[in-house]
């Protein structure tokens, strides 16, 4: 059995003065197969810097793989 990477999606949770009380989730697709914690941290902080007093809280990484059964 062999796993083949197909796609990676990221969801970042942000809080801030101009956002709803429960924050806002921003989603991104077509990310690299296995993003490092450093990459996630840098990307999340860069996106937060584009907002008004926003802070990134956490990130969710979803990876889609194909299983070759033959």
Protein backbone atom coordinates (compact mmCIF):
# COMPACT_ATOMS: atom_id res chain seq x y z
CA UNK A 1 0.00 0.00 0.00
CA UNK A 2 1.39 3.40 -0.99
CA UNK A 3 0.14 6.86 0.01
CA UNK A 4 0.39 9.67 -2.52
CA UNK A 5 -0.06 13.30 -1.50
CA UNK A 6 -2.96 15.00 -3.30
CA UNK A 7 -3.66 18.32 -1.56
CA UNK A 8 -3.17 20.34 1.62
CA UNK A 9 -5.56 22.95 3.01
CA UNK A 10 -4.90 25.41 5.82
CA UNK A 11 -7.37 27.12 8.15
CA UNK A 12 -6.09 29.94 10.37
CA UNK A 13 -8.08 31.30 13.32
CA UNK A 14 -7.71 35.05 13.89
CA UNK A 15 -8.93 37.36 16.65
CA UNK A 16 -8.96 41.16 16.58
CA UNK A 17 -10.74 44.38 17.41
CA UNK A 18 -12.48 44.59 14.02
CA UNK A 19 -13.47 40.89 13.91
CA UNK A 20 -16.52 39.14 15.43
CA UNK A 21 -16.19 38.19 19.09
CA UNK A 22 -15.49 34.52 18.25
CA UNK A 23 -12.84 35.52 15.69
CA UNK A 24 -12.59 34.67 12.04
CA UNK A 25 -11.27 31.66 10.18
CA UNK A 26 -9.42 32.22 6.91
CA UNK A 27 -8.89 29.21 4.67
CA UNK A 28 -6.21 28.60 2.07
CA UNK A 29 -5.85 25.73 -0.37
CA UNK A 30 -3.08 24.47 -2.61
CA UNK A 31 -0.49 24.60 0.19
CA UNK A 32 2.71 22.54 0.29
CA UNK A 33 2.41 18.86 1.23
CA UNK A 34 3.80 19.11 4.77
CA UNK A 35 4.11 22.70 6.01
CA UNK A 36 6.44 23.15 8.95
CA UNK A 37 5.44 24.91 12.15
CA UNK A 38 7.81 27.73 11.16
CA UNK A 39 6.09 28.12 7.77
CA UNK A 40 2.62 28.12 9.38
CA UNK A 41 3.74 30.66 11.98
CA UNK A 42 5.30 32.98 9.38
CA UNK A 43 2.31 32.77 7.03
CA UNK A 44 -0.27 33.25 9.81
CA UNK A 45 1.55 36.30 11.20
CA UNK A 46 1.95 37.78 7.71
CA UNK A 47 -1.81 37.47 7.04
CA UNK A 48 -2.58 38.93 10.50
CA UNK A 49 -0.34 41.91 9.71
CA UNK A 50 -2.62 42.78 6.77
CA UNK A 51 -5.60 43.15 9.12
CA UNK A 52 -6.44 45.77 11.72
CA UNK A 53 -4.95 44.70 15.08
CA UNK A 54 -5.39 41.01 14.26
CA UNK A 55 -3.63 38.11 15.97
CA UNK A 56 -3.34 34.57 14.65
CA UNK A 57 -4.43 32.04 17.28
CA UNK A 58 -3.93 28.64 15.67
CA UNK A 59 -3.89 26.75 12.39
CA UNK A 60 -5.52 23.55 11.18
CA UNK A 61 -3.77 21.53 8.48
CA UNK A 62 -5.81 19.08 6.39
CA UNK A 63 -3.94 16.77 4.04
CA UNK A 64 -5.61 14.69 1.37
CA UNK A 65 -3.82 11.54 0.28
CA UNK A 66 -4.59 8.87 -2.29
CA UNK A 67 -4.07 5.25 -1.30
CA UNK A 68 -2.85 3.02 -4.12
CA UNK A 69 -4.19 -0.44 -3.36
CA UNK A 70 -2.74 -2.21 -6.39
